[in-house]
All heavy atoms as atom14 arrays in JSON, in Angstrom:
{
  "sequence": "WPYNVGPNGPGNCCSFFAPSFELGNSFRTDATGLPLLDGSYNSGGNEL",
  "atom14_mask": [
    [1, 1, 1, 1, 1, 1, 1, 1, 1, 1, 1, 1, 1, 1],
    [1, 1, 1, 1, 1, 1, 1, 0, 0, 0, 0, 0, 0, 0],
    [1, 1, 1, 1, 1, 1, 1, 1, 1, 1, 1, 1, 0, 0],
    [1, 1, 1, 1, 1, 1, 1, 1, 0, 0, 0, 0, 0, 0],
    [1, 1, 1, 1, 1, 1, 1, 0, 0, 0, 0, 0, 0, 0],
    [1, 1, 1, 1, 0, 0, 0, 0, 0, 0, 0, 0, 0, 0],
    [1, 1, 1, 1, 1, 1, 1, 0, 0, 0, 0, 0, 0, 0],
    [1, 1, 1, 1, 1, 1, 1, 1, 0, 0, 0, 0, 0, 0],
    [1, 1, 1, 1, 0, 0, 0, 0, 0, 0, 0, 0, 0, 0],
    [1, 1, 1, 1, 1, 1, 1, 0, 0, 0, 0, 0, 0, 0],
    [1, 1, 1, 1, 0, 0, 0, 0, 0, 0, 0, 0, 0, 0],
    [1, 1, 1, 1, 1, 1, 1, 1, 0, 0, 0, 0, 0, 0],
    [1, 1, 1, 1, 1, 1, 0, 0, 0, 0, 0, 0, 0, 0],
    [1, 1, 1, 1, 1, 1, 0, 0, 0, 0, 0, 0, 0, 0],
    [1, 1, 1, 1, 1, 1, 0, 0, 0, 0, 0, 0, 0, 0],
    [1, 1, 1, 1, 1, 1, 1, 1, 1, 1, 1, 0, 0, 0],
    [1, 1, 1, 1, 1, 1, 1, 1, 1, 1, 1, 0, 0, 0],
    [1, 1, 1, 1, 1, 0, 0, 0, 0, 0, 0, 0, 0, 0],
    [1, 1, 1, 1, 1, 1, 1, 0, 0, 0, 0, 0, 0, 0],
    [1, 1, 1, 1, 1, 1, 0, 0, 0, 0, 0, 0, 0, 0],
    [1, 1, 1, 1, 1, 1, 1, 1, 1, 1, 1, 0, 0, 0],
    [1, 1, 1, 1, 1, 1, 1, 1, 1, 0, 0, 0, 0, 0],
    [1, 1, 1, 1, 1, 1, 1, 1, 0, 0, 0, 0, 0, 0],
    [1, 1, 1, 1, 0, 0, 0, 0, 0, 0, 0, 0, 0, 0],
    [1, 1, 1, 1, 1, 1, 1, 1, 0, 0, 0, 0, 0, 0],
    [1, 1, 1, 1, 1, 1, 0, 0, 0, 0, 0, 0, 0, 0],
    [1, 1, 1, 1, 1, 1, 1, 1, 1, 1, 1, 0, 0, 0],
    [1, 1, 1, 1, 1, 1, 1, 1, 1, 1, 1, 0, 0, 0],
    [1, 1, 1, 1, 1, 1, 1, 0, 0, 0, 0, 0, 0, 0],
    [1, 1, 1, 1, 1, 1, 1, 1, 0, 0, 0, 0, 0, 0],
    [1, 1, 1, 1, 1, 0, 0, 0, 0, 0, 0, 0, 0, 0],
    [1, 1, 1, 1, 1, 1, 1, 0, 0, 0, 0, 0, 0, 0],
    [1, 1, 1, 1, 0, 0, 0, 0, 0, 0, 0, 0, 0, 0],
    [1, 1, 1, 1, 1, 1, 1, 1, 0, 0, 0, 0, 0, 0],
    [1, 1, 1, 1, 1, 1, 1, 0, 0, 0, 0, 0, 0, 0],
    [1, 1, 1, 1, 1, 1, 1, 1, 0, 0, 0, 0, 0, 0],
    [1, 1, 1, 1, 1, 1, 1, 1, 0, 0, 0, 0, 0, 0],
    [1, 1, 1, 1, 1, 1, 1, 1, 0, 0, 0, 0, 0, 0],
    [1, 1, 1, 1, 0, 0, 0, 0, 0, 0, 0, 0, 0, 0],
    [1, 1, 1, 1, 1, 1, 0, 0, 0, 0, 0, 0, 0, 0],
    [1, 1, 1, 1, 1, 1, 1, 1, 1, 1, 1, 1, 0, 0],
    [1, 1, 1, 1, 1, 1, 1, 1, 0, 0, 0, 0, 0, 0],
    [1, 1, 1, 1, 1, 1, 0, 0, 0, 0, 0, 0, 0, 0],
    [1, 1, 1, 1, 0, 0, 0, 0, 0, 0, 0, 0, 0, 0],
    [1, 1, 1, 1, 0, 0, 0, 0, 0, 0, 0, 0, 0, 0],
    [1, 1, 1, 1, 1, 1, 1, 1, 0, 0, 0, 0, 0, 0],
    [1, 1, 1, 1, 1, 1, 1, 1, 1, 0, 0, 0, 0, 0],
    [1, 1, 1, 1, 1, 1, 1, 1, 0, 0, 0, 0, 0, 0]
  ],
  "atom14_positions": [
    [[138.57, 140.38, 77.52], [139.76, 140.26, 78.41], [140.69, 141.42, 78.11], [140.76, 142.1, 77.2], [140.52, 138.88, 78.07], [139.6, 137.72, 78.13], [139.05, 137.0, 77.19], [139.12, 137.08, 79.35], [138.29, 135.97, 77.58], [138.19, 136.13, 78.96], [139.2, 137.45, 80.7], [137.6, 135.19, 79.83], [138.62, 136.64, 81.58], [137.74, 135.51, 81.23]],
    [[141.71, 141.53, 79.09], [142.72, 142.49, 78.91], [143.49, 142.14, 77.54], [143.55, 141.01, 77.15], [143.71, 142.23, 80.12], [142.8, 141.79, 81.14], [141.8, 140.95, 80.39], [0.0, 0.0, 0.0], [0.0, 0.0, 0.0], [0.0, 0.0, 0.0], [0.0, 0.0, 0.0], [0.0, 0.0, 0.0], [0.0, 0.0, 0.0], [0.0, 0.0, 0.0]],
    [[143.99, 143.18, 77.02], [144.72, 143.07, 75.64], [146.17, 142.78, 75.7], [146.99, 143.46, 76.53], [144.34, 144.41, 74.86], [144.73, 144.37, 73.42], [143.91, 143.46, 72.61], [145.62, 145.12, 72.78], [144.11, 143.47, 71.24], [145.72, 145.25, 71.56], [145.07, 144.26, 70.74], [145.3, 144.36, 69.35], [0.0, 0.0, 0.0], [0.0, 0.0, 0.0]],
    [[146.7, 141.86, 74.81], [148.13, 141.7, 74.58], [148.79, 141.32, 75.94], [149.86, 141.84, 76.27], [148.74, 142.83, 73.94], [148.62, 142.62, 72.44], [148.33, 141.59, 71.82], [148.96, 143.8, 71.71], [0.0, 0.0, 0.0], [0.0, 0.0, 0.0], [0.0, 0.0, 0.0], [0.0, 0.0, 0.0], [0.0, 0.0, 0.0], [0.0, 0.0, 0.0]],
    [[148.17, 140.5, 76.66], [148.72, 140.08, 77.98], [149.84, 139.16, 77.9], [150.76, 138.96, 78.8], [147.73, 139.57, 78.99], [146.66, 140.65, 79.21], [147.05, 138.21, 78.45], [0.0, 0.0, 0.0], [0.0, 0.0, 0.0], [0.0, 0.0, 0.0], [0.0, 0.0, 0.0], [0.0, 0.0, 0.0], [0.0, 0.0, 0.0], [0.0, 0.0, 0.0]],
    [[149.97, 138.34, 76.88], [151.04, 137.32, 76.69], [150.7, 136.3, 77.87], [149.66, 135.98, 78.24], [0.0, 0.0, 0.0], [0.0, 0.0, 0.0], [0.0, 0.0, 0.0], [0.0, 0.0, 0.0], [0.0, 0.0, 0.0], [0.0, 0.0, 0.0], [0.0, 0.0, 0.0], [0.0, 0.0, 0.0], [0.0, 0.0, 0.0], [0.0, 0.0, 0.0]],
    [[151.86, 135.74, 78.45], [151.57, 134.83, 79.49], [151.33, 135.31, 80.87], [151.14, 134.64, 81.89], [153.04, 134.06, 79.43], [153.87, 135.12, 79.16], [153.17, 135.94, 78.06], [0.0, 0.0, 0.0], [0.0, 0.0, 0.0], [0.0, 0.0, 0.0], [0.0, 0.0, 0.0], [0.0, 0.0, 0.0], [0.0, 0.0, 0.0], [0.0, 0.0, 0.0]],
    [[151.13, 136.6, 80.85], [151.12, 137.27, 82.15], [149.63, 137.59, 82.58], [149.51, 138.18, 83.64], [151.93, 138.58, 82.23], [153.24, 138.37, 82.04], [153.84, 137.47, 82.59], [154.03, 139.14, 81.19], [0.0, 0.0, 0.0], [0.0, 0.0, 0.0], [0.0, 0.0, 0.0], [0.0, 0.0, 0.0], [0.0, 0.0, 0.0], [0.0, 0.0, 0.0]],
    [[148.68, 137.37, 81.79], [147.31, 137.6, 82.17], [146.29, 136.72, 81.31], [146.73, 135.84, 80.46], [0.0, 0.0, 0.0], [0.0, 0.0, 0.0], [0.0, 0.0, 0.0], [0.0, 0.0, 0.0], [0.0, 0.0, 0.0], [0.0, 0.0, 0.0], [0.0, 0.0, 0.0], [0.0, 0.0, 0.0], [0.0, 0.0, 0.0], [0.0, 0.0, 0.0]],
    [[144.95, 136.82, 81.59], [144.04, 135.99, 80.98], [143.58, 136.52, 79.66], [143.52, 137.75, 79.39], [142.81, 136.02, 81.87], [142.94, 137.42, 82.6], [144.43, 137.74, 82.64], [0.0, 0.0, 0.0], [0.0, 0.0, 0.0], [0.0, 0.0, 0.0], [0.0, 0.0, 0.0], [0.0, 0.0, 0.0], [0.0, 0.0, 0.0], [0.0, 0.0, 0.0]],
    [[143.22, 135.64, 78.75], [142.39, 135.96, 77.51], [143.21, 136.48, 76.43], [143.11, 135.99, 75.21], [0.0, 0.0, 0.0], [0.0, 0.0, 0.0], [0.0, 0.0, 0.0], [0.0, 0.0, 0.0], [0.0, 0.0, 0.0], [0.0, 0.0, 0.0], [0.0, 0.0, 0.0], [0.0, 0.0, 0.0], [0.0, 0.0, 0.0], [0.0, 0.0, 0.0]],
    [[143.89, 137.63, 76.49], [144.7, 138.24, 75.54], [143.99, 138.98, 74.43], [144.49, 139.54, 73.56], [145.49, 137.05, 74.87], [146.88, 137.56, 74.27], [147.66, 138.31, 75.14], [147.28, 137.34, 73.21], [0.0, 0.0, 0.0], [0.0, 0.0, 0.0], [0.0, 0.0, 0.0], [0.0, 0.0, 0.0], [0.0, 0.0, 0.0], [0.0, 0.0, 0.0]],
    [[142.71, 138.98, 74.6], [141.88, 139.89, 73.63], [140.5, 140.13, 74.29], [139.99, 139.39, 75.04], [141.64, 138.87, 72.41], [140.69, 139.69, 70.98], [0.0, 0.0, 0.0], [0.0, 0.0, 0.0], [0.0, 0.0, 0.0], [0.0, 0.0, 0.0], [0.0, 0.0, 0.0], [0.0, 0.0, 0.0], [0.0, 0.0, 0.0], [0.0, 0.0, 0.0]],
    [[139.89, 141.23, 73.95], [140.13, 142.26, 73.05], [139.87, 143.57, 73.66], [139.61, 144.66, 72.92], [139.43, 142.13, 71.7], [139.7, 140.5, 70.83], [0.0, 0.0, 0.0], [0.0, 0.0, 0.0], [0.0, 0.0, 0.0], [0.0, 0.0, 0.0], [0.0, 0.0, 0.0], [0.0, 0.0, 0.0], [0.0, 0.0, 0.0], [0.0, 0.0, 0.0]],
    [[139.9, 143.58, 74.96], [139.82, 144.95, 75.67], [138.39, 145.59, 75.6], [138.22, 146.8, 75.62], [140.96, 145.91, 75.29], [141.12, 146.89, 76.16], [0.0, 0.0, 0.0], [0.0, 0.0, 0.0], [0.0, 0.0, 0.0], [0.0, 0.0, 0.0], [0.0, 0.0, 0.0], [0.0, 0.0, 0.0], [0.0, 0.0, 0.0], [0.0, 0.0, 0.0]],
    [[137.38, 144.72, 75.3], [136.02, 145.24, 75.37], [135.53, 145.46, 76.83], [136.19, 144.96, 77.65], [134.93, 144.26, 74.56], [134.87, 144.31, 73.06], [136.04, 143.92, 72.37], [133.89, 144.97, 72.43], [135.98, 143.93, 71.07], [133.9, 145.07, 71.11], [134.9, 144.49, 70.32], [0.0, 0.0, 0.0], [0.0, 0.0, 0.0], [0.0, 0.0, 0.0]],
    [[134.49, 146.07, 77.02], [133.69, 146.07, 78.24], [134.64, 146.8, 79.34], [134.84, 146.1, 80.35], [133.31, 144.56, 78.69], [132.24, 144.69, 79.74], [131.16, 145.49, 79.79], [132.16, 143.59, 80.69], [130.29, 145.39, 80.72], [131.23, 143.52, 81.76], [130.22, 144.47, 81.74], [0.0, 0.0, 0.0], [0.0, 0.0, 0.0], [0.0, 0.0, 0.0]],
    [[135.02, 147.99, 79.09], [135.9, 148.79, 80.03], [135.1, 149.32, 81.06], [134.25, 150.21, 80.8], [136.75, 149.76, 79.17], [0.0, 0.0, 0.0], [0.0, 0.0, 0.0], [0.0, 0.0, 0.0], [0.0, 0.0, 0.0], [0.0, 0.0, 0.0], [0.0, 0.0, 0.0], [0.0, 0.0, 0.0], [0.0, 0.0, 0.0], [0.0, 0.0, 0.0]],
    [[135.32, 149.17, 82.3], [134.55, 149.77, 83.32], [134.81, 151.35, 83.37], [135.77, 151.84, 82.93], [135.3, 149.13, 84.73], [135.75, 147.81, 84.13], [136.22, 147.96, 82.89], [0.0, 0.0, 0.0], [0.0, 0.0, 0.0], [0.0, 0.0, 0.0], [0.0, 0.0, 0.0], [0.0, 0.0, 0.0], [0.0, 0.0, 0.0], [0.0, 0.0, 0.0]],
    [[133.73, 152.07, 83.82], [133.71, 153.4, 83.52], [134.38, 154.25, 84.63], [134.6, 153.58, 85.77], [132.24, 153.97, 83.51], [131.59, 153.76, 84.6], [0.0, 0.0, 0.0], [0.0, 0.0, 0.0], [0.0, 0.0, 0.0], [0.0, 0.0, 0.0], [0.0, 0.0, 0.0], [0.0, 0.0, 0.0], [0.0, 0.0, 0.0], [0.0, 0.0, 0.0]],
    [[134.87, 155.41, 84.42], [135.37, 156.27, 85.44], [134.35, 156.36, 86.58], [134.67, 156.47, 87.71], [135.75, 157.63, 84.87], [136.87, 157.76, 83.91], [136.85, 157.54, 82.61], [138.16, 157.95, 84.41], [137.91, 157.51, 81.68], [139.26, 157.99, 83.56], [139.12, 157.83, 82.21], [0.0, 0.0, 0.0], [0.0, 0.0, 0.0], [0.0, 0.0, 0.0]],
    [[133.25, 156.7, 86.13], [131.91, 156.95, 87.11], [131.89, 155.75, 88.04], [131.68, 155.88, 89.25], [130.8, 157.21, 86.33], [129.68, 158.0, 87.08], [128.82, 157.16, 87.86], [128.78, 155.94, 87.67], [127.91, 157.71, 88.7], [0.0, 0.0, 0.0], [0.0, 0.0, 0.0], [0.0, 0.0, 0.0], [0.0, 0.0, 0.0], [0.0, 0.0, 0.0]],
    [[131.94, 154.45, 87.55], [131.77, 153.25, 88.39], [133.05, 153.35, 89.38], [132.72, 153.01, 90.49], [131.72, 152.11, 87.52], [131.66, 150.74, 88.32], [130.39, 150.68, 89.13], [131.76, 149.46, 87.47], [0.0, 0.0, 0.0], [0.0, 0.0, 0.0], [0.0, 0.0, 0.0], [0.0, 0.0, 0.0], [0.0, 0.0, 0.0], [0.0, 0.0, 0.0]],
    [[134.16, 153.42, 88.81], [135.3, 153.34, 89.73], [135.16, 154.4, 90.91], [135.42, 154.09, 91.96], [0.0, 0.0, 0.0], [0.0, 0.0, 0.0], [0.0, 0.0, 0.0], [0.0, 0.0, 0.0], [0.0, 0.0, 0.0], [0.0, 0.0, 0.0], [0.0, 0.0, 0.0], [0.0, 0.0, 0.0], [0.0, 0.0, 0.0], [0.0, 0.0, 0.0]],
    [[134.7, 155.61, 90.58], [134.69, 156.72, 91.57], [133.54, 156.35, 92.57], [133.64, 156.6, 93.76], [134.3, 157.88, 90.96], [135.28, 158.59, 90.06], [136.38, 158.09, 89.98], [134.85, 159.47, 89.19], [0.0, 0.0, 0.0], [0.0, 0.0, 0.0], [0.0, 0.0, 0.0], [0.0, 0.0, 0.0], [0.0, 0.0, 0.0], [0.0, 0.0, 0.0]],
    [[132.52, 155.54, 92.16], [131.4, 155.14, 92.99], [131.85, 154.26, 94.21], [131.19, 154.2, 95.35], [130.44, 154.33, 92.29], [129.87, 155.17, 91.2], [0.0, 0.0, 0.0], [0.0, 0.0, 0.0], [0.0, 0.0, 0.0], [0.0, 0.0, 0.0], [0.0, 0.0, 0.0], [0.0, 0.0, 0.0], [0.0, 0.0, 0.0], [0.0, 0.0, 0.0]],
    [[133.01, 153.68, 94.19], [133.56, 152.8, 95.23], [134.28, 153.67, 96.28], [134.79, 153.05, 97.32], [134.42, 151.81, 94.68], [133.74, 150.66, 93.98], [133.55, 150.67, 92.6], [133.14, 149.55, 94.64], [132.92, 149.68, 91.91], [132.5, 148.45, 94.03], [132.38, 148.67, 92.55], [0.0, 0.0, 0.0], [0.0, 0.0, 0.0], [0.0, 0.0, 0.0]],
    [[134.4, 155.03, 96.13], [134.9, 155.76, 97.17], [134.01, 155.73, 98.5], [132.89, 155.7, 98.34], [135.05, 157.19, 96.63], [135.63, 158.26, 97.63], [137.06, 157.99, 97.89], [137.9, 158.57, 96.71], [139.18, 158.1, 96.37], [139.84, 157.31, 97.23], [139.74, 158.66, 95.34], [0.0, 0.0, 0.0], [0.0, 0.0, 0.0], [0.0, 0.0, 0.0]],
    [[134.75, 155.67, 99.55], [133.96, 155.69, 100.93], [134.34, 156.91, 101.72], [135.33, 157.55, 101.59], [134.19, 154.42, 101.69], [135.55, 154.19, 101.9], [133.76, 153.19, 100.99], [0.0, 0.0, 0.0], [0.0, 0.0, 0.0], [0.0, 0.0, 0.0], [0.0, 0.0, 0.0], [0.0, 0.0, 0.0], [0.0, 0.0, 0.0], [0.0, 0.0, 0.0]],
    [[133.46, 157.25, 102.76], [133.72, 158.36, 103.62], [134.62, 157.88, 104.83], [135.05, 156.64, 104.82], [132.54, 159.11, 104.01], [131.63, 158.15, 104.83], [132.04, 157.16, 105.43], [130.34, 158.43, 105.1], [0.0, 0.0, 0.0], [0.0, 0.0, 0.0], [0.0, 0.0, 0.0], [0.0, 0.0, 0.0], [0.0, 0.0, 0.0], [0.0, 0.0, 0.0]],
    [[134.95, 158.64, 105.73], [135.69, 158.24, 106.9], [135.13, 157.16, 107.76], [135.77, 156.48, 108.4], [136.02, 159.5, 107.79], [0.0, 0.0, 0.0], [0.0, 0.0, 0.0], [0.0, 0.0, 0.0], [0.0, 0.0, 0.0], [0.0, 0.0, 0.0], [0.0, 0.0, 0.0], [0.0, 0.0, 0.0], [0.0, 0.0, 0.0], [0.0, 0.0, 0.0]],
    [[133.8, 156.95, 107.66], [133.17, 155.83, 108.45], [133.02, 154.58, 107.6], [132.54, 153.51, 108.12], [131.77, 156.28, 108.87], [130.91, 156.43, 107.75], [131.73, 157.59, 109.67], [0.0, 0.0, 0.0], [0.0, 0.0, 0.0], [0.0, 0.0, 0.0], [0.0, 0.0, 0.0], [0.0, 0.0, 0.0], [0.0, 0.0, 0.0], [0.0, 0.0, 0.0]],
    [[133.53, 154.66, 106.31], [133.31, 153.53, 105.46], [132.06, 153.21, 104.73], [131.83, 152.23, 104.19], [0.0, 0.0, 0.0], [0.0, 0.0, 0.0], [0.0, 0.0, 0.0], [0.0, 0.0, 0.0], [0.0, 0.0, 0.0], [0.0, 0.0, 0.0], [0.0, 0.0, 0.0], [0.0, 0.0, 0.0], [0.0, 0.0, 0.0], [0.0, 0.0, 0.0]],
    [[131.3, 154.27, 104.72], [129.98, 154.34, 103.92], [130.12, 154.9, 102.55], [130.98, 155.8, 102.42], [128.91, 154.94, 104.71], [128.49, 154.17, 106.0], [127.5, 155.11, 106.75], [127.99, 152.91, 105.77], [0.0, 0.0, 0.0], [0.0, 0.0, 0.0], [0.0, 0.0, 0.0], [0.0, 0.0, 0.0], [0.0, 0.0, 0.0], [0.0, 0.0, 0.0]],
    [[129.35, 154.69, 101.56], [129.33, 155.2, 100.24], [128.94, 156.68, 100.33], [128.31, 157.05, 101.18], [128.42, 154.36, 99.37], [127.58, 153.79, 100.37], [128.34, 153.51, 101.59], [0.0, 0.0, 0.0], [0.0, 0.0, 0.0], [0.0, 0.0, 0.0], [0.0, 0.0, 0.0], [0.0, 0.0, 0.0], [0.0, 0.0, 0.0], [0.0, 0.0, 0.0]],
    [[129.39, 157.41, 99.26], [129.06, 158.79, 99.19], [127.76, 158.96, 98.39], [127.76, 159.2, 97.14], [130.14, 159.6, 98.5], [131.57, 159.5, 99.11], [132.64, 160.29, 98.26], [131.59, 159.9, 100.58], [0.0, 0.0, 0.0], [0.0, 0.0, 0.0], [0.0, 0.0, 0.0], [0.0, 0.0, 0.0], [0.0, 0.0, 0.0], [0.0, 0.0, 0.0]],
    [[126.57, 158.85, 99.08], [125.37, 158.79, 98.44], [124.82, 160.14, 97.9], [123.89, 160.23, 97.23], [124.24, 158.27, 99.5], [124.43, 156.99, 100.08], [123.41, 156.55, 101.06], [124.55, 155.89, 98.92], [0.0, 0.0, 0.0], [0.0, 0.0, 0.0], [0.0, 0.0, 0.0], [0.0, 0.0, 0.0], [0.0, 0.0, 0.0], [0.0, 0.0, 0.0]],
    [[125.69, 161.28, 98.22], [125.23, 162.5, 97.62], [125.7, 162.78, 96.29], [125.53, 163.84, 95.77], [125.75, 163.62, 98.59], [127.17, 163.65, 98.83], [127.93, 162.76, 98.28], [127.74, 164.52, 99.53], [0.0, 0.0, 0.0], [0.0, 0.0, 0.0], [0.0, 0.0, 0.0], [0.0, 0.0, 0.0], [0.0, 0.0, 0.0], [0.0, 0.0, 0.0]],
    [[126.44, 161.78, 95.7], [126.99, 161.97, 94.28], [128.36, 162.62, 94.35], [128.86, 162.78, 93.24], [0.0, 0.0, 0.0], [0.0, 0.0, 0.0], [0.0, 0.0, 0.0], [0.0, 0.0, 0.0], [0.0, 0.0, 0.0], [0.0, 0.0, 0.0], [0.0, 0.0, 0.0], [0.0, 0.0, 0.0], [0.0, 0.0, 0.0], [0.0, 0.0, 0.0]],
    [[128.83, 162.97, 95.55], [130.16, 163.79, 95.46], [131.34, 162.95, 95.06], [132.47, 163.3, 94.91], [130.42, 164.27, 96.93], [130.57, 163.4, 97.77], [0.0, 0.0, 0.0], [0.0, 0.0, 0.0], [0.0, 0.0, 0.0], [0.0, 0.0, 0.0], [0.0, 0.0, 0.0], [0.0, 0.0, 0.0], [0.0, 0.0, 0.0], [0.0, 0.0, 0.0]],
    [[131.15, 161.62, 94.82], [132.31, 160.77, 94.44], [132.84, 161.15, 93.1], [133.97, 160.86, 92.8], [131.85, 159.3, 94.31], [130.59, 158.98, 93.62], [130.57, 158.81, 92.22], [129.35, 158.92, 94.21], [129.47, 158.54, 91.48], [128.18, 158.64, 93.46], [128.23, 158.42, 92.14], [127.12, 158.22, 91.5], [0.0, 0.0, 0.0], [0.0, 0.0, 0.0]],
    [[132.08, 161.95, 92.32], [132.58, 162.48, 91.07], [133.25, 163.73, 91.11], [133.77, 164.2, 90.08], [131.41, 162.45, 89.85], [131.15, 161.17, 89.35], [132.0, 160.34, 89.31], [129.95, 160.91, 88.92], [0.0, 0.0, 0.0], [0.0, 0.0, 0.0], [0.0, 0.0, 0.0], [0.0, 0.0, 0.0], [0.0, 0.0, 0.0], [0.0, 0.0, 0.0]],
    [[133.24, 164.24, 92.22], [134.08, 165.6, 92.43], [135.44, 165.48, 92.52], [136.07, 164.43, 92.68], [133.43, 166.33, 93.61], [133.95, 165.61, 94.76], [0.0, 0.0, 0.0], [0.0, 0.0, 0.0], [0.0, 0.0, 0.0], [0.0, 0.0, 0.0], [0.0, 0.0, 0.0], [0.0, 0.0, 0.0], [0.0, 0.0, 0.0], [0.0, 0.0, 0.0]],
    [[136.24, 166.62, 92.04], [137.59, 166.5, 91.9], [138.38, 165.68, 93.13], [139.4, 164.99, 92.9], [0.0, 0.0, 0.0], [0.0, 0.0, 0.0], [0.0, 0.0, 0.0], [0.0, 0.0, 0.0], [0.0, 0.0, 0.0], [0.0, 0.0, 0.0], [0.0, 0.0, 0.0], [0.0, 0.0, 0.0], [0.0, 0.0, 0.0], [0.0, 0.0, 0.0]],
    [[138.02, 166.14, 94.36], [138.73, 165.5, 95.43], [138.37, 164.05, 95.73], [139.21, 163.36, 96.5], [0.0, 0.0, 0.0], [0.0, 0.0, 0.0], [0.0, 0.0, 0.0], [0.0, 0.0, 0.0], [0.0, 0.0, 0.0], [0.0, 0.0, 0.0], [0.0, 0.0, 0.0], [0.0, 0.0, 0.0], [0.0, 0.0, 0.0], [0.0, 0.0, 0.0]],
    [[137.26, 163.53, 95.1], [136.89, 162.12, 95.35], [137.12, 161.23, 94.24], [137.09, 160.03, 94.37], [135.55, 162.22, 95.87], [135.29, 162.67, 97.24], [136.13, 162.49, 98.06], [134.15, 163.43, 97.39], [0.0, 0.0, 0.0], [0.0, 0.0, 0.0], [0.0, 0.0, 0.0], [0.0, 0.0, 0.0], [0.0, 0.0, 0.0], [0.0, 0.0, 0.0]],
    [[137.34, 161.86, 93.02], [137.63, 160.97, 91.84], [138.79, 160.06, 92.06], [139.85, 160.44, 92.72], [137.92, 161.92, 90.66], [136.77, 162.66, 90.09], [137.11, 163.56, 88.93], [138.0, 164.3, 89.23], [136.68, 163.3, 87.93], [0.0, 0.0, 0.0], [0.0, 0.0, 0.0], [0.0, 0.0, 0.0], [0.0, 0.0, 0.0], [0.0, 0.0, 0.0]],
    [[138.64, 158.79, 91.74], [139.84, 157.86, 91.78], [141.08, 158.41, 90.88], [140.83, 158.81, 89.89], [139.51, 156.48, 91.26], [138.72, 155.51, 92.27], [138.62, 154.18, 91.74], [139.28, 155.47, 93.74], [0.0, 0.0, 0.0], [0.0, 0.0, 0.0], [0.0, 0.0, 0.0], [0.0, 0.0, 0.0], [0.0, 0.0, 0.0], [0.0, 0.0, 0.0]]
  ]
}
């Protein structure tokens, strides 16, 4: 769960299992709404 959330979030411990930068970038879409299958989601202009 997120760490030290107090009453504002779930769990309160211990910040394991952090999604990767690469996974976040993978959700980038092109102008038509399709994924960037060429791997360019990790390039500077497409990184989240």
